[in-house]
Amino acid sequence: MFGTWTLSMRDYGRGDPLEFFSAQLDIKADASESVPEPATLAMLAMGLLGAGAARRRL
């Protein structure tokens, strides 16, 4: 979702201001993507395991 977005529209003056001849959308994404840290994934896994164990006991 981040990066550079460019929307180009061409109109050749055909009379109606709401009509356009062509449109082009260029999206250039950032090179770096965020990767979740292993500790975050470990905490999520431990929480899910704990919730599952608590459910079994009830």
Protein backbone atom coordinates (compact mmCIF):
# COMPACT_ATOMS: atom_id res chain seq x y z
CA MET A 1 0.00 0.00 0.00
CA PHE A 2 2.94 2.29 0.46
CA GLY A 3 5.13 3.66 -2.27
CA THR A 4 4.53 6.03 -5.15
CA TRP A 5 1.16 6.10 -6.90
CA THR A 6 0.62 8.10 -10.10
CA LEU A 7 -2.73 8.44 -11.89
CA SER A 8 -2.62 9.96 -15.37
CA MET A 9 -5.77 10.83 -17.34
CA ARG A 10 -6.00 12.17 -20.89
CA ASP A 11 -8.87 14.21 -22.24
CA TYR A 12 -8.97 15.52 -25.77
CA GLY A 13 -11.79 18.05 -25.24
CA ARG A 14 -14.68 16.04 -26.60
CA GLY A 15 -17.20 18.28 -24.84
CA ASP A 16 -18.26 16.31 -21.75
CA PRO A 17 -16.02 17.14 -18.75
CA LEU A 18 -16.87 13.83 -17.06
CA GLU A 19 -15.66 11.65 -19.95
CA PHE A 20 -11.99 10.97 -20.49
CA PHE A 21 -10.10 9.25 -23.28
CA SER A 22 -7.65 7.11 -21.32
CA ALA A 23 -6.37 6.52 -17.80
CA GLN A 24 -3.21 4.91 -16.45
CA LEU A 25 -2.28 4.02 -12.86
CA ASP A 26 1.39 3.39 -12.06
CA ILE A 27 2.31 1.92 -8.67
CA LYS A 28 5.90 1.62 -7.50
CA ALA A 29 6.18 -0.24 -4.20
CA ASP A 30 8.92 0.29 -1.68
CA ALA A 31 11.71 -2.30 -1.88
CA SER A 32 11.71 -3.13 1.82
CA GLU A 33 8.89 -5.15 3.32
CA SER A 34 8.44 -5.45 7.05
CA VAL A 35 8.92 -8.95 8.44
CA PRO A 36 7.47 -9.85 11.83
CA GLU A 37 10.03 -10.60 14.50
CA PRO A 38 10.32 -14.21 15.70
CA ALA A 39 9.46 -13.16 19.27
CA THR A 40 6.11 -11.77 18.10
CA LEU A 41 5.25 -15.02 16.35
CA ALA A 42 6.35 -17.03 19.40
CA MET A 43 4.11 -14.97 21.70
CA LEU A 44 1.17 -15.44 19.34
CA ALA A 45 1.76 -19.20 19.24
CA MET A 46 2.02 -19.41 23.04
CA GLY A 47 -1.21 -17.44 23.42
CA LEU A 48 -3.06 -19.72 21.01
CA LEU A 49 -1.73 -22.82 22.75
CA GLY A 50 -2.72 -21.40 26.13
CA ALA A 51 -6.22 -20.60 24.91
CA GLY A 52 -6.55 -24.12 23.52
CA ALA A 53 -5.35 -25.67 26.79
CA ALA A 54 -7.73 -23.53 28.83
CA ARG A 55 -10.63 -24.55 26.62
CA ARG A 56 -9.82 -28.25 27.05
CA ARG A 57 -9.80 -27.93 30.83
CA LEU A 58 -13.27 -26.39 30.90
